[in-house]
Each structure stands twice: as C-alpha cells, then as structure tokens.
Protein backbone atom coordinates (compact mmCIF):
# COMPACT_ATOMS: atom_id res chain seq x y z
CA MET A 1 0.00 0.00 0.00
CA LYS A 2 1.25 3.46 -0.91
CA PHE A 3 0.61 6.51 1.23
CA ILE A 4 1.55 10.14 1.85
CA HIS A 5 2.15 11.33 5.42
CA THR A 6 2.22 14.97 6.46
CA ALA A 7 1.48 17.05 9.57
CA ASP A 8 1.85 20.50 11.14
CA ILE A 9 0.96 22.68 8.18
CA HIS A 10 -0.70 25.23 10.50
CA PHE A 11 -2.85 26.87 7.86
CA ASP A 12 -3.45 30.60 8.49
CA SER A 13 -0.69 30.85 11.07
CA PRO A 14 0.02 34.53 11.89
CA PHE A 15 3.77 33.92 11.25
CA ALA A 16 4.96 36.06 14.14
CA THR A 17 8.55 35.85 12.87
CA LEU A 18 7.53 37.87 9.81
CA THR A 19 5.46 40.49 11.64
CA GLY A 20 6.24 43.96 10.33
CA LYS A 21 7.82 42.59 7.14
CA GLY A 22 5.36 43.98 4.62
CA GLN A 23 3.50 41.25 2.76
CA PHE A 24 5.82 38.42 3.78
CA ALA A 25 3.39 36.83 6.24
CA GLN A 26 0.64 36.89 3.62
CA GLU A 27 3.02 35.44 1.04
CA ARG A 28 3.87 32.70 3.52
CA ARG A 29 0.22 31.80 3.92
CA LEU A 30 -0.06 31.58 0.14
CA GLU A 31 2.90 29.21 0.19
CA GLN A 32 0.99 26.99 2.62
CA ARG A 33 -1.65 26.62 -0.07
CA LYS A 34 1.04 25.98 -2.66
CA VAL A 35 2.59 23.20 -0.55
CA MET A 36 -0.79 21.52 -0.01
CA LYS A 37 -1.41 21.64 -3.75
CA GLU A 38 2.01 20.07 -4.38
CA MET A 39 1.03 17.14 -2.17
CA ALA A 40 -2.29 16.73 -3.97
CA GLU A 41 -0.50 16.82 -7.34
CA TYR A 42 2.01 14.21 -6.13
CA ILE A 43 -0.90 11.99 -5.07
CA LYS A 44 -2.51 12.34 -8.51
CA GLU A 45 0.70 11.68 -10.43
CA ASN A 46 1.63 8.62 -8.37
CA ASN A 47 -1.84 7.13 -7.76
CA ILE A 48 -1.51 7.25 -3.97
CA PRO A 49 -4.54 5.61 -2.29
CA TYR A 50 -3.98 6.96 1.26
CA PHE A 51 -3.23 10.44 2.60
CA PHE A 52 -2.43 10.73 6.33
CA ILE A 53 -2.56 14.16 8.00
CA ALA A 54 -1.37 13.78 11.60
CA GLY A 55 -2.69 16.94 13.22
CA ASP A 56 -2.26 20.72 13.24
CA LEU A 57 -3.60 21.05 9.73
CA TYR A 58 -4.70 24.55 10.67
CA GLU A 59 -4.66 27.13 13.47
CA GLN A 60 -8.00 27.07 15.29
CA ASP A 61 -7.68 30.69 16.44
CA TYR A 62 -6.90 32.09 12.97
CA ILE A 63 -8.29 29.73 10.35
CA LYS A 64 -10.60 31.21 7.71
CA LYS A 65 -13.46 29.37 6.06
CA SER A 66 -12.03 30.25 2.66
CA THR A 67 -8.84 28.36 3.54
CA ILE A 68 -10.82 25.28 4.60
CA GLU A 69 -12.77 25.48 1.34
CA TYR A 70 -9.49 25.61 -0.60
CA VAL A 71 -8.09 22.56 1.22
CA ASN A 72 -11.32 20.63 0.78
CA GLN A 73 -11.37 21.40 -2.93
CA LEU A 74 -7.95 19.75 -3.19
CA PHE A 75 -9.39 16.70 -1.43
CA ASN A 76 -12.24 16.70 -3.97
CA GLU A 77 -9.64 16.58 -6.73
CA ILE A 78 -8.24 13.28 -5.39
CA PRO A 79 -11.52 11.29 -5.02
CA ASN A 80 -9.78 7.90 -5.23
CA THR A 81 -7.52 8.75 -2.28
CA LYS A 82 -8.76 8.18 1.25
CA VAL A 83 -7.79 11.12 3.46
CA PHE A 84 -7.40 10.54 7.21
CA ILE A 85 -7.01 13.48 9.59
CA THR A 86 -6.22 13.36 13.31
CA PRO A 87 -6.85 16.70 15.05
CA GLY A 88 -3.88 18.11 16.97
CA ASN A 89 -3.43 20.56 19.81
CA HIS A 90 -3.67 23.56 17.45
CA ASP A 91 -6.75 22.27 15.59
CA PRO A 92 -8.63 20.18 18.17
CA TYR A 93 -11.99 18.55 17.52
CA ILE A 94 -13.99 21.07 19.55
CA LYS A 95 -17.53 22.37 19.27
CA ASN A 96 -16.82 25.28 16.91
CA SER A 97 -14.07 23.63 14.87
CA PHE A 98 -14.33 23.19 11.13
CA TYR A 99 -13.84 19.48 11.72
CA LYS A 100 -17.34 19.51 13.23
CA GLN A 101 -19.01 22.38 11.41
CA PHE A 102 -17.83 21.96 7.82
CA LYS A 103 -19.09 19.44 5.24
CA TRP A 104 -15.92 17.71 4.08
CA SER A 105 -15.40 15.75 0.89
CA GLU A 106 -16.69 12.18 0.98
CA ASN A 107 -13.15 10.76 0.84
CA VAL A 108 -12.17 12.49 4.11
CA HIS A 109 -12.33 10.79 7.51
CA ILE A 110 -11.67 12.88 10.61
CA PHE A 111 -10.85 11.04 13.83
CA THR A 112 -12.14 12.25 17.18
CA ASN A 113 -10.57 11.72 20.60
CA GLU A 114 -12.03 8.21 20.68
CA ILE A 115 -9.71 5.50 19.39
CA GLU A 116 -11.20 4.25 16.14
CA VAL A 117 -10.20 1.68 13.56
CA ILE A 118 -11.15 1.97 9.89
CA GLU A 119 -11.05 -1.43 8.23
CA ASP A 120 -10.04 -1.53 4.57
CA GLU A 121 -9.32 -4.49 2.31
CA ASN A 122 -5.68 -5.10 3.26
CA VAL A 123 -5.14 -2.51 5.94
CA ASP A 124 -6.61 -1.41 9.27
CA ILE A 125 -6.10 2.25 10.08
CA TYR A 126 -6.25 3.30 13.70
CA GLY A 127 -6.47 6.89 14.82
CA TYR A 128 -7.42 9.36 17.50
CA GLY A 129 -6.89 13.06 18.04
CA PHE A 130 -7.31 16.00 20.40
CA ASN A 131 -10.71 17.24 21.54
CA ASP A 132 -9.07 20.06 23.52
CA PHE A 133 -5.80 21.98 23.39
CA TYR A 134 -4.24 19.36 25.69
CA MET A 135 -4.62 15.60 25.88
CA ALA A 136 -3.61 12.98 28.43
CA LYS A 137 -2.13 9.61 27.54
CA LYS A 138 -4.47 7.30 25.59
CA SER A 139 -2.17 4.91 23.75
CA ASP A 140 -2.49 2.27 26.49
CA GLN A 141 -6.09 1.74 25.31
CA ILE A 142 -5.04 0.57 21.81
CA HIS A 143 -5.23 -3.09 20.81
CA ILE A 144 -4.60 -4.40 17.29
CA LYS A 145 -7.49 -6.53 16.04
CA ASN A 146 -5.98 -8.39 13.09
CA ARG A 147 -2.21 -8.83 12.90
CA GLN A 148 -2.46 -10.54 9.51
CA LYS A 149 -3.33 -7.23 7.90
CA ILE A 150 -1.20 -4.10 7.56
CA ASN A 151 -1.83 -1.96 10.65
CA ILE A 152 -1.38 1.83 10.67
CA LEU A 153 -1.69 4.26 13.59
CA ILE A 154 -2.23 7.98 12.98
CA THR A 155 -2.07 10.42 15.88
CA HIS A 156 -0.64 13.73 17.04
CA GLY A 157 1.57 13.62 20.09
CA SER A 158 4.86 13.91 21.91
CA LEU A 159 7.21 10.94 21.59
CA ASP A 160 9.66 10.03 24.38
CA SER A 161 9.20 13.43 26.00
CA GLY A 162 11.49 14.31 28.88
CA THR A 163 9.66 17.50 29.89
CA GLU A 164 6.54 17.92 31.99
CA GLU A 165 5.06 20.35 29.45
CA ASN A 166 5.15 17.89 26.56
CA ARG A 167 3.48 15.20 28.66
CA GLU A 168 0.29 17.22 28.23
CA TYR A 169 0.29 16.57 24.49
CA ASN A 170 -0.67 12.91 24.08
CA PRO A 171 2.57 11.42 25.48
CA LEU A 172 3.90 8.35 23.66
CA THR A 173 6.98 6.16 23.94
CA THR A 174 8.88 4.31 21.27
CA LYS A 175 8.90 1.21 23.47
CA GLU A 176 5.13 0.98 23.82
CA LEU A 177 4.49 1.71 20.14
CA ARG A 178 6.90 -1.06 19.11
CA GLU A 179 5.19 -3.47 21.50
CA LEU A 180 1.80 -2.61 19.99
CA GLY A 181 3.16 -3.89 16.68
CA PHE A 182 2.01 -1.31 14.12
CA ASP A 183 3.60 -1.53 10.70
CA TYR A 184 3.66 2.26 10.49
CA VAL A 185 2.98 5.01 13.02
CA ALA A 186 2.18 8.37 11.40
CA LEU A 187 2.87 11.10 13.95
CA GLY A 188 2.56 14.86 14.08
CA HIS A 189 3.50 17.59 16.60
CA ILE A 190 7.29 17.75 16.22
CA HIS A 191 8.22 20.02 13.31
CA LYS A 192 11.57 18.37 12.60
CA SER A 193 11.42 15.30 10.38
CA SER A 194 12.39 11.93 11.85
CA TYR A 195 12.14 9.02 9.40
CA ASN A 196 15.62 7.53 8.96
CA ASP A 197 17.25 8.00 12.37
CA TYR A 198 17.77 4.25 12.73
CA LEU A 199 17.45 1.09 10.64
CA GLY A 200 13.90 -0.04 10.04
CA GLN A 201 12.29 3.06 11.52
CA SER A 202 8.49 2.87 11.30
CA ILE A 203 7.53 5.48 13.94
CA VAL A 204 7.77 8.66 11.90
CA TYR A 205 7.48 12.43 12.15
CA PRO A 206 7.39 14.00 8.66
CA GLY A 207 8.18 17.45 10.09
CA SER A 208 6.31 20.55 8.97
CA PRO A 209 6.15 20.84 5.16
CA ILE A 210 6.63 24.61 5.45
CA SER A 211 8.92 26.37 7.94
CA LEU A 212 7.20 28.49 10.56
CA GLY A 213 10.31 30.29 11.82
CA PHE A 214 14.04 30.25 12.53
CA ASP A 215 13.66 27.31 14.90
CA GLU A 216 12.82 25.23 11.81
CA LEU A 217 15.90 25.37 9.60
CA GLY A 218 16.69 23.17 6.63
CA ASP A 219 14.65 21.33 4.01
CA ARG A 220 10.91 20.88 4.47
CA GLY A 221 8.79 18.13 2.95
CA PHE A 222 6.50 15.16 3.41
CA ILE A 223 6.83 11.37 3.57
CA ALA A 224 5.96 9.08 0.68
CA GLY A 225 5.72 5.51 1.92
CA ASN A 226 5.05 2.04 0.61
CA ILE A 227 4.32 -1.13 2.62
CA ASP A 228 4.52 -4.41 0.72
CA ASP A 229 1.21 -6.28 1.04
CA LYS A 230 2.94 -9.66 1.35
CA ASN A 231 5.99 -9.24 3.59
CA LYS A 232 5.09 -5.84 5.10
CA GLU A 233 8.44 -4.36 4.05
CA LEU A 234 8.38 -0.60 4.58
CA LYS A 235 10.06 1.87 2.23
CA LEU A 236 10.09 5.62 2.90
CA GLN A 237 11.08 8.64 0.85
CA PHE A 238 11.30 12.27 1.91
CA ILE A 239 9.82 14.56 -0.75
CA LYS A 240 10.97 18.18 -0.48
CA THR A 241 8.47 20.97 -0.98
CA SER A 242 9.24 24.15 -2.92
CA ALA A 243 8.33 26.65 -0.18
CA LYS A 244 10.98 29.04 1.11
CA THR A 245 13.00 27.75 4.03
CA PHE A 246 14.57 29.64 6.94
CA ALA A 247 18.36 29.87 7.18
CA GLU A 248 21.07 31.46 9.31
CA TYR A 249 24.10 33.18 7.79
CA ASN A 250 27.20 34.03 9.84
CA PHE A 251 28.74 37.32 8.68
CA ASP A 252 32.27 38.03 9.97
CA THR A 253 32.87 41.71 10.83
CA SER A 254 36.53 41.34 11.82
CA GLU A 255 37.88 43.11 8.70
CA ILE A 256 35.08 45.69 8.49
CA ASN A 257 35.69 49.19 9.83
CA SER A 258 32.28 50.90 9.87
CA GLU A 259 28.55 50.29 9.89
CA GLU A 260 28.33 51.74 6.38
CA GLU A 261 30.91 49.27 5.09
CA LEU A 262 29.05 46.43 6.78
CA ILE A 263 25.77 47.40 5.08
CA GLU A 264 27.54 47.66 1.73
CA LYS A 265 29.14 44.21 2.08
CA ILE A 266 25.85 42.59 3.09
CA ASN A 267 24.16 44.19 0.06
CA ASN A 268 26.91 42.81 -2.19
CA THR A 269 26.60 39.27 -0.86
CA LYS A 270 24.69 36.70 -2.93
CA PHE A 271 21.81 35.10 -1.05
CA ASP A 272 19.43 32.32 -2.11
CA ASP A 273 16.11 33.86 -3.18
CA ASN A 274 14.25 30.79 -1.89
CA LYS A 275 15.26 31.34 1.74
CA PHE A 276 14.47 33.73 4.57
CA TYR A 277 17.69 34.74 6.34
CA LYS A 278 18.74 35.65 9.82
CA ILE A 279 22.15 37.33 9.60
CA ILE A 280 24.33 36.62 12.63
CA LEU A 281 27.16 39.13 12.95
CA VAL A 282 30.27 37.45 14.38
CA GLY A 283 33.96 38.15 14.88
CA LYS A 284 35.70 41.18 16.37
CA CYS A 285 34.07 44.56 15.83
CA SER A 286 35.46 48.06 16.40
CA PHE A 287 32.25 50.07 15.80
CA ASN A 288 28.77 50.29 17.24
CA ILE A 289 26.09 48.12 15.61
CA ASP A 290 22.43 49.09 15.44
CA GLU A 291 20.62 45.91 14.34
CA ASN A 292 17.36 47.66 13.38
CA LYS A 293 19.15 50.39 11.43
CA ILE A 294 21.12 47.83 9.42
CA LEU A 295 17.97 45.85 8.70
CA ASP A 296 16.24 49.00 7.43
CA LEU A 297 19.13 49.99 5.16
CA ILE A 298 20.01 46.72 3.47
CA ASN A 299 18.21 46.18 0.17
CA ILE A 300 17.83 42.38 0.28
CA LYS A 301 14.17 41.68 1.03
CA ASN A 302 14.52 38.13 2.27
CA ILE A 303 16.88 39.11 5.10
CA ILE A 304 14.35 39.54 7.88
CA ARG A 305 16.45 39.52 11.04
CA ILE A 306 19.89 40.77 12.19
CA ARG A 307 21.53 39.52 15.37
CA ASN A 308 24.78 40.95 16.77
CA HIS A 309 27.03 38.27 18.28
CA THR A 310 30.29 40.15 17.75
CA GLN A 311 32.97 40.80 20.33
CA VAL A 312 34.62 44.14 20.87
CA LYS A 313 37.82 44.70 18.91
CA TYR A 314 40.23 46.57 21.22
CA ASP A 315 42.92 48.98 20.00
CA ILE A 316 45.71 48.15 22.45
CA GLU A 317 47.86 51.15 21.48
CA GLU A 318 45.03 53.64 22.01
CA ILE A 319 43.96 52.07 25.30
CA ALA A 320 47.59 52.09 26.52
CA LYS A 321 47.49 55.91 26.35
CA GLN A 322 44.67 56.09 28.89
CA ILE A 323 45.37 57.03 32.51
CA SER A 324 43.30 54.26 34.04
CA LEU A 325 43.47 50.64 35.15
CA LYS A 326 42.65 49.60 31.59
CA GLY A 327 45.43 51.84 30.27
CA LEU A 328 47.96 50.42 32.72
CA PHE A 329 46.95 46.86 31.82
CA ALA A 330 47.21 47.62 28.07
CA LYS A 331 50.60 49.30 28.52
CA ARG A 332 52.07 46.25 30.32
CA ILE A 333 50.80 43.83 27.67
CA LEU A 334 52.02 46.11 24.86
CA GLU A 335 55.51 46.20 26.38
CA LYS A 336 55.60 42.40 26.47
CA ILE A 337 54.43 42.19 22.86
CA GLN A 338 57.14 44.63 21.75
CA ASN A 339 59.83 42.70 23.65
CA THR A 340 59.19 39.36 21.97
CA GLU A 341 59.75 38.16 18.42
CA ASN A 342 57.86 34.90 18.94
CA GLU A 343 54.62 35.15 16.93
CA GLN A 344 52.89 32.47 18.97
CA GLU A 345 53.69 34.33 22.19
CA LYS A 346 52.45 37.60 20.64
CA ASN A 347 49.14 35.98 19.74
CA GLN A 348 48.83 34.57 23.25
CA LEU A 349 49.47 38.02 24.73
CA ILE A 350 46.84 39.61 22.46
CA SER A 351 44.32 36.94 23.48
CA ALA A 352 45.15 37.56 27.15
CA PHE A 353 44.67 41.30 26.61
CA GLU A 354 41.22 40.78 25.03
CA VAL A 355 40.11 38.46 27.83
CA GLY A 356 41.35 40.97 30.38
CA MET A 357 39.51 43.84 28.70
CA ASP A 358 36.28 41.83 28.59
CA VAL A 359 36.61 41.27 32.35
CA LEU A 360 37.40 44.95 33.08
CA ASN A 361 34.40 46.09 31.00
CA LYS A 362 31.91 44.03 32.99
C-alpha cells in the first residue's frame, strides 16, 4: 500500500517571525496553499490511495473558512484517495471547529478523541486526536485486532518526551508503540522530520512541510511511503516541498571598519532567493552596531532579522594611552608584545589582553 504522510501545516498561522515585514506573512500563507497543492499533485501523479494528516492542519484561532474550502477542494480533486485526519493541539476537535461544522469531501475521515479503527481491504487504520488543546495519555487503550493485515496508527503527540510540558500533548513512547506492533505510526506535533534515524524506523514524524520560523531550519517536505502487502516491508522517501526555508548566515565583521561598510558588504553578498535569512554578525568589531538600522538599510528583502554576536575589537595602542586601570593593563601587555619576536607568544598576549579587557568592562 502506498501513502503520503504529512502534519503540522498550521494553515493561516500569523507567522509572528515575519510580523512587520510587509506582505511576507501573507506570502507565507499563500505558500501553505502551494505546498498543499504540491502534495495533492504528487498523489494524482503517483496514484496514492492513502493520505495521512497527523494533526495541526490549521490554526483554530486564525483559520478562515475560505482556507478550509481551498483545502477541501484539493481533497475533492483526489476522489480515489482516502484522506485521514487526526486533530492536533492547534486544531482540536472542539464544538466550533471546522472538523465539526464543515461538510468535508466524501473521501475524508476525521478522527475524534475516541480511538477508532477503519477497516479496509488489506489494511486497518487506527487513529485518535485531540478534543481540547491538551490531551492525556491514551495509547495504552489501543489493541490491534488483526495482525495478519497491515496496521497503521495515525495520531498527534509527543514521543519520548522528557519534559513535563510535553506530557500534556498525548505522550507516547517508542517502546510501547513497538510493542503494539504497528507496521507504520504516522505522527505529528514535532516540526523536525524523523524518518531515517535508525534502521527499520516505522515510527515517523514528517516534520512541517513549510517552515514556521528560525527554529525550523533546513529542508521541508512530506513522507511518501510504501508497505509491501505480502511481507510488510516498509520503504520511505522524503519529498521536499518548494516553499521558502529559513536559514542562518554568519557574517564576519573582523575586517570591516564601519557600519556603512558592513551594510555595503551585506548588500553585495549573494543570497538564495528561496530562503528567509537571519544574519548573525560574528567576529571582532570596532564600531557600534544598530541591528534595526542595518535591517532597514540593506536592500535584500529576504533578510528579515539581524543579530549581533560580535565581540569588541580593542585597540591596544590607544587604550595604553589612557590614565586608568585599563590603560595600565594595556601598557604592560604592549611592552611584552614589543619585547618578543615569537609570533605564537604575541598571539597569546593579544588573546590575554582581550580576555582581560572583557573582564574589566563588565
């Protein structure tokens, strides 16, 4: 059996990272639609009979009916594909949710918080979701009915969580899921993909197919899977989506002498148009940096954040002229530097001077 597995699209997210960046947040929401359409097109082109959406399809507090209508139209365009949705903590199955209020396409099945099994010809599909923004453990209530068939579990939850907070989001453990004996466990909730971390992995997070911020770096995509009907061999493939990703770029200021020069060099740097960037300024710096001013003056639209992680570059000769503790310290180090011809020792003295200055400036 072939299937597609996705989760955590978060339709109509406000994209707080992009707040104040013109139309970027709106463009990002359009890309959510684009990504969903890409998955529907992949299903059409490859005759995929099952589509698993493991929670957080949309944001309950922000979702618009027009967005739901768009998503449902895509489901209508794949009538031969059975779509299974498990509500997550951001789109729970509550009284006023679109899961309850909207008339979905006939090929869509939405699980509630009750554990349910949908029996198909060669496969049994188990699922349950959130009916509130939090959910206690329920996996200990699951029992596989027919182990001769392919058995799939779809749910949204926190796997092997070590924090108290995540234990409020349908806590699961790898050990218990393996003991249950599912041939594939389609999970959602964690936005980083996990599908090939170890040999024979069948408990899978696809990750979010579109980045929501700088805590979600790298490629985004969905899982295309196939389970052999005879020997239950599982094969997985990660399919990248075309939406812009978030990236960090370290920019060394050590050889730059002014804020104006820094802005000029950033503007002259080639960046990937299909990424949103956070520029991290690093190295030694001898001038003041105003992050907001730099961001306003650079002309590269997809740089949306500047962070200053530079260290102060000290002029030892100028500081040695001061009548102060810092000046005395600089003068002593400068004398030692001038009295040695050993380059390694000079570098060690300069490093000692910088450490000392950092301490004196605190």
